[in-house]
C-alpha atoms as a PDB file:
ATOM      1  CA  UNK A   1       0.000   0.000   0.000  1.00  0.00           C
ATOM      2  CA  UNK A   2       1.418   3.375  -0.921  1.00  0.00           C
ATOM      3  CA  UNK A   3       1.810   6.201   1.561  1.00  0.00           C
ATOM      4  CA  UNK A   4      -0.499   9.163   0.760  1.00  0.00           C
ATOM      5  CA  UNK A   5       2.212  11.567   1.963  1.00  0.00           C
ATOM      6  CA  UNK A   6       4.802  10.343  -0.522  1.00  0.00           C
ATOM      7  CA  UNK A   7       5.147  12.956  -3.221  1.00  0.00           C
ATOM      8  CA  UNK A   8       4.947  11.497  -6.713  1.00  0.00           C
ATOM      9  CA  UNK A   9       8.320  11.373  -8.396  1.00  0.00           C
ATOM     10  CA  UNK A  10       8.742  14.107 -10.946  1.00  0.00           C
ATOM     11  CA  UNK A  11      10.070  13.262 -14.393  1.00  0.00           C
ATOM     12  CA  UNK A  12      12.255  16.401 -14.388  1.00  0.00           C
ATOM     13  CA  UNK A  13      14.663  16.092 -11.516  1.00  0.00           C
ATOM     14  CA  UNK A  14      18.354  16.819 -11.233  1.00  0.00           C
ATOM     15  CA  UNK A  15      20.691  14.037 -10.172  1.00  0.00           C
ATOM     16  CA  UNK A  16      23.915  14.482  -8.246  1.00  0.00           C
ATOM     17  CA  UNK A  17      25.711  11.227  -9.061  1.00  0.00           C
ATOM     18  CA  UNK A  18      27.562   8.840  -6.762  1.00  0.00           C
ATOM     19  CA  UNK A  19      31.016  10.172  -7.705  1.00  0.00           C
ATOM     20  CA  UNK A  20      30.103  13.752  -6.755  1.00  0.00           C
ATOM     21  CA  UNK A  21      31.583  15.216  -3.561  1.00  0.00           C
ATOM     22  CA  UNK A  22      30.329  18.671  -2.580  1.00  0.00           C
ATOM     23  CA  UNK A  23      31.191  20.862   0.403  1.00  0.00           C
ATOM     24  CA  UNK A  24      29.310  24.098   1.105  1.00  0.00           C
ATOM     25  CA  UNK A  25      25.790  25.449   0.673  1.00  0.00           C
ATOM     26  CA  UNK A  26      23.542  23.895  -1.958  1.00  0.00           C
ATOM     27  CA  UNK A  27      20.402  25.734  -3.066  1.00  0.00           C
ATOM     28  CA  UNK A  28      17.940  24.451  -5.667  1.00  0.00           C
ATOM     29  CA  UNK A  29      14.369  25.008  -6.858  1.00  0.00           C
ATOM     30  CA  UNK A  30      13.772  21.765  -8.736  1.00  0.00           C
ATOM     31  CA  UNK A  31      13.348  18.150  -7.659  1.00  0.00           C
ATOM     32  CA  UNK A  32      16.712  16.744  -6.689  1.00  0.00           C
ATOM     33  CA  UNK A  33      18.110  13.222  -6.279  1.00  0.00           C
ATOM     34  CA  UNK A  34      21.383  13.012  -4.353  1.00  0.00           C
ATOM     35  CA  UNK A  35      23.518   9.897  -4.833  1.00  0.00           C
ATOM     36  CA  UNK A  36      26.834  11.549  -3.942  1.00  0.00           C
ATOM     37  CA  UNK A  37      28.396  12.974  -0.787  1.00  0.00           C
ATOM     38  CA  UNK A  38      27.473  16.416   0.509  1.00  0.00           C
ATOM     39  CA  UNK A  39      28.805  18.241   3.543  1.00  0.00           C
ATOM     40  CA  UNK A  40      27.355  21.589   4.615  1.00  0.00           C
ATOM     41  CA  UNK A  41      23.800  22.878   4.177  1.00  0.00           C
ATOM     42  CA  UNK A  42      20.993  22.284   1.722  1.00  0.00           C
ATOM     43  CA  UNK A  43      18.192  24.846   1.307  1.00  0.00           C
ATOM     44  CA  UNK A  44      15.695  23.541  -1.191  1.00  0.00           C
ATOM     45  CA  UNK A  45      12.216  24.683  -2.236  1.00  0.00           C
ATOM     46  CA  UNK A  46      10.944  21.441  -3.759  1.00  0.00           C
ATOM     47  CA  UNK A  47      11.356  17.679  -3.359  1.00  0.00           C
ATOM     48  CA  UNK A  48      14.719  16.279  -2.272  1.00  0.00           C
ATOM     49  CA  UNK A  49      15.623  12.582  -2.266  1.00  0.00           C
ATOM     50  CA  UNK A  50      18.756  11.149  -0.698  1.00  0.00           C
ATOM     51  CA  UNK A  51      19.295   8.005  -2.769  1.00  0.00           C
ATOM     52  CA  UNK A  52      20.681   4.691  -1.531  1.00  0.00           C
ATOM     53  CA  UNK A  53      24.233   5.792  -2.377  1.00  0.00           C
ATOM     54  CA  UNK A  54      23.728   9.295  -0.948  1.00  0.00           C
ATOM     55  CA  UNK A  55      25.690  10.362   2.136  1.00  0.00           C
ATOM     56  CA  UNK A  56      24.946  13.721   3.717  1.00  0.00           C
ATOM     57  CA  UNK A  57      26.663  15.435   6.595  1.00  0.00           C
ATOM     58  CA  UNK A  58      24.342  18.392   6.361  1.00  0.00           C
ATOM     59  CA  UNK A  59      21.268  20.099   7.704  1.00  0.00           C
ATOM     60  CA  UNK A  60      18.531  19.986   5.075  1.00  0.00           C
ATOM     61  CA  UNK A  61      15.504  22.198   4.511  1.00  0.00           C
ATOM     62  CA  UNK A  62      13.052  21.308   1.721  1.00  0.00           C
ATOM     63  CA  UNK A  63       9.354  20.930   0.994  1.00  0.00           C
ATOM     64  CA  UNK A  64       9.461  17.113   0.775  1.00  0.00           C
ATOM     65  CA  UNK A  65      12.429  15.050   1.970  1.00  0.00           C
ATOM     66  CA  UNK A  66      12.833  11.346   1.250  1.00  0.00           C
ATOM     67  CA  UNK A  67      15.825   9.453   2.661  1.00  0.00           C
ATOM     68  CA  UNK A  68      17.063   6.116   1.339  1.00  0.00           C
ATOM     69  CA  UNK A  69      20.769   6.636   2.155  1.00  0.00           C
ATOM     70  CA  UNK A  70      22.653   8.145   5.117  1.00  0.00           C
ATOM     71  CA  UNK A  71      22.100  11.552   6.715  1.00  0.00           C
ATOM     72  CA  UNK A  72      23.989  13.041   9.637  1.00  0.00           C
ATOM     73  CA  UNK A  73      22.167  16.310  10.364  1.00  0.00           C
ATOM     74  CA  UNK A  74      18.736  17.821  10.892  1.00  0.00           C
ATOM     75  CA  UNK A  75      15.913  17.434   8.365  1.00  0.00           C
ATOM     76  CA  UNK A  76      13.261  20.145   8.059  1.00  0.00           C
ATOM     77  CA  UNK A  77      10.431  19.332   5.643  1.00  0.00           C
ATOM     78  CA  UNK A  78       7.691  21.946   5.267  1.00  0.00           C
ATOM     79  CA  UNK A  79       5.259  19.246   3.986  1.00  0.00           C
ATOM     80  CA  UNK A  80       6.697  15.783   4.763  1.00  0.00           C
ATOM     81  CA  UNK A  81       9.788  13.742   5.647  1.00  0.00           C
ATOM     82  CA  UNK A  82       9.991  10.027   4.792  1.00  0.00           C
ATOM     83  CA  UNK A  83      12.789   7.800   6.098  1.00  0.00           C
ATOM     84  CA  UNK A  84      12.692   4.626   4.019  1.00  0.00           C
ATOM     85  CA  UNK A  85      13.777   1.021   4.567  1.00  0.00           C
ATOM     86  CA  UNK A  86      17.572   0.810   4.744  1.00  0.00           C
ATOM     87  CA  UNK A  87      18.037   4.538   5.451  1.00  0.00           C
ATOM     88  CA  UNK A  88      20.190   5.777   8.348  1.00  0.00           C
ATOM     89  CA  UNK A  89      19.371   9.177   9.889  1.00  0.00           C
ATOM     90  CA  UNK A  90      21.243  10.720  12.821  1.00  0.00           C
ATOM     91  CA  UNK A  91      19.632  14.058  13.584  1.00  0.00           C
ATOM     92  CA  UNK A  92      16.343  15.737  14.358  1.00  0.00           C
ATOM     93  CA  UNK A  93      13.312  15.830  12.084  1.00  0.00           C
ATOM     94  CA  UNK A  94      11.026  18.877  11.861  1.00  0.00           C
ATOM     95  CA  UNK A  95       7.907  18.373   9.731  1.00  0.00           C
ATOM     96  CA  UNK A  96       4.115  18.254  10.100  1.00  0.00           C
ATOM     97  CA  UNK A  97       4.162  14.750   8.529  1.00  0.00           C
ATOM     98  CA  UNK A  98       6.860  12.177   9.316  1.00  0.00           C
ATOM     99  CA  UNK A  99       7.071   8.569   8.128  1.00  0.00           C
ATOM    100  CA  UNK A 100       9.651   6.121   9.482  1.00  0.00           C
ATOM    101  CA  UNK A 101       9.470   2.922   7.485  1.00  0.00           C
ATOM    102  CA  UNK A 102      10.238  -0.485   8.928  1.00  0.00           C
ATOM    103  CA  UNK A 103      13.943  -1.255   8.437  1.00  0.00           C
ATOM    104  CA  UNK A 104      15.036   2.392   8.755  1.00  0.00           C
ATOM    105  CA  UNK A 105      17.548   3.470  11.396  1.00  0.00           C
ATOM    106  CA  UNK A 106      16.827   6.752  13.191  1.00  0.00           C
ATOM    107  CA  UNK A 107      18.566   8.445  16.116  1.00  0.00           C
ATOM    108  CA  UNK A 108      17.207  11.856  17.085  1.00  0.00           C
ATOM    109  CA  UNK A 109      13.991  13.616  17.934  1.00  0.00           C
ATOM    110  CA  UNK A 110      10.881  14.443  15.926  1.00  0.00           C
ATOM    111  CA  UNK A 111       8.987  17.753  16.086  1.00  0.00           C
ATOM    112  CA  UNK A 112       5.633  17.678  14.275  1.00  0.00           C
ATOM    113  CA  UNK A 113       4.262  20.971  15.631  1.00  0.00           C
ATOM    114  CA  UNK A 114       4.447  22.534  12.186  1.00  0.00           C
ATOM    115  CA  UNK A 115       6.460  25.516  13.372  1.00  0.00           C
ATOM    116  CA  UNK A 116       8.645  26.939  10.614  1.00  0.00           C
ATOM    117  CA  UNK A 117      12.297  26.110  11.212  1.00  0.00           C
ATOM    118  CA  UNK A 118      15.070  28.590  10.390  1.00  0.00           C
ATOM    119  CA  UNK A 119      17.138  28.114   7.243  1.00  0.00           C
ATOM    120  CA  UNK A 120      19.439  25.115   7.408  1.00  0.00           C
ATOM    121  CA  UNK A 121      22.886  25.679   8.886  1.00  0.00           C
ATOM    122  CA  UNK A 122      25.942  23.457   8.690  1.00  0.00           C
ATOM    123  CA  UNK A 123      26.136  20.951  11.559  1.00  0.00           C
ATOM    124  CA  UNK A 124      28.210  22.421  14.383  1.00  0.00           C
ATOM    125  CA  UNK A 125      31.554  20.824  15.098  1.00  0.00           C
ATOM    126  CA  UNK A 126      31.711  19.519  18.645  1.00  0.00           C
ATOM    127  CA  UNK A 127      34.657  20.930  20.613  1.00  0.00           C
ATOM    128  CA  UNK A 128      36.064  18.855  23.435  1.00  0.00           C
ATOM    129  CA  UNK A 129      37.229  20.470  26.670  1.00  0.00           C
ATOM    130  CA  UNK A 130      40.870  19.790  25.770  1.00  0.00           C
ATOM    131  CA  UNK A 131      40.504  21.715  22.477  1.00  0.00           C
ATOM    132  CA  UNK A 132      38.659  24.669  24.039  1.00  0.00           C
ATOM    133  CA  UNK A 133      40.812  27.772  24.647  1.00  0.00           C
ATOM    134  CA  UNK A 134      41.540  28.415  28.312  1.00  0.00           C
ATOM    135  CA  UNK A 135      39.680  31.174  30.129  1.00  0.00           C
ATOM    136  CA  UNK A 136      40.812  33.515  32.876  1.00  0.00           C
ATOM    137  CA  UNK A 137      38.617  31.617  35.351  1.00  0.00           C
ATOM    138  CA  UNK A 138      40.348  28.366  34.421  1.00  0.00           C
ATOM    139  CA  UNK A 139      43.774  29.963  34.831  1.00  0.00           C
ATOM    140  CA  UNK A 140      42.749  31.276  38.258  1.00  0.00           C
ATOM    141  CA  UNK A 141      41.582  27.800  39.267  1.00  0.00           C
ATOM    142  CA  UNK A 142      44.925  26.331  38.206  1.00  0.00           C
ATOM    143  CA  UNK A 143      46.802  29.003  40.182  1.00  0.00           C
ATOM    144  CA  UNK A 144      44.714  28.320  43.309  1.00  0.00           C
ATOM    145  CA  UNK A 145      45.412  24.585  42.967  1.00  0.00           C
ATOM    146  CA  UNK A 146      49.142  25.190  42.648  1.00  0.00           C
ATOM    147  CA  UNK A 147      49.048  27.280  45.864  1.00  0.00           C
ATOM    148  CA  UNK A 148      47.452  24.335  47.680  1.00  0.00           C
ATOM    149  CA  UNK A 149      44.052  26.018  48.062  1.00  0.00           C
ATOM    150  CA  UNK A 150      40.705  24.397  47.310  1.00  0.00           C
ATOM    151  CA  UNK A 151      39.008  25.766  44.205  1.00  0.00           C
ATOM    152  CA  UNK A 152      35.918  23.589  43.899  1.00  0.00           C
ATOM    153  CA  UNK A 153      33.649  26.468  42.862  1.00  0.00           C
ATOM    154  CA  UNK A 154      35.996  27.536  40.054  1.00  0.00           C
ATOM    155  CA  UNK A 155      36.254  23.967  38.800  1.00  0.00           C
ATOM    156  CA  UNK A 156      32.482  23.585  38.757  1.00  0.00           C
ATOM    157  CA  UNK A 157      32.055  26.809  36.844  1.00  0.00           C
ATOM    158  CA  UNK A 158      34.668  25.880  34.231  1.00  0.00           C
ATOM    159  CA  UNK A 159      33.284  22.337  33.898  1.00  0.00           C
ATOM    160  CA  UNK A 160      29.755  23.604  33.238  1.00  0.00           C
ATOM    161  CA  UNK A 161      31.022  26.167  30.708  1.00  0.00           C
ATOM    162  CA  UNK A 162      32.744  23.459  28.671  1.00  0.00           C
END
């Protein structure tokens, strides 16, 4: 039985083939099938399909989104988002209509309130505490420790800021 929220496939769609690797912001106004690798953001005004060979590390905004491949990022569909059998999605889904088919893998949250989401942004890189630049508060905590004083409050503050 077909899903009434699946948008019929258009005969005039662009295809980004499996050998394509793209990094940056992709904007399009026509139906799009992605079989390649994209990293960044996708702002789209029509139907977007991530094919079986497609691999996205991107936040996506489109009218209809259908996923058959892999997506690491948030999906925002103004009409519908469909995650099909064999697809792997790690990110949040924002859409008034969401379909997760049996056999799909999904890790994230779903918001079906219908609130308009802001334009897609590139997924933020996670910074570990060891990579984060030191702050004056952290330097003060280190100095207090080297003087043999207790600095529990400074440590708590720096730990929660990380």
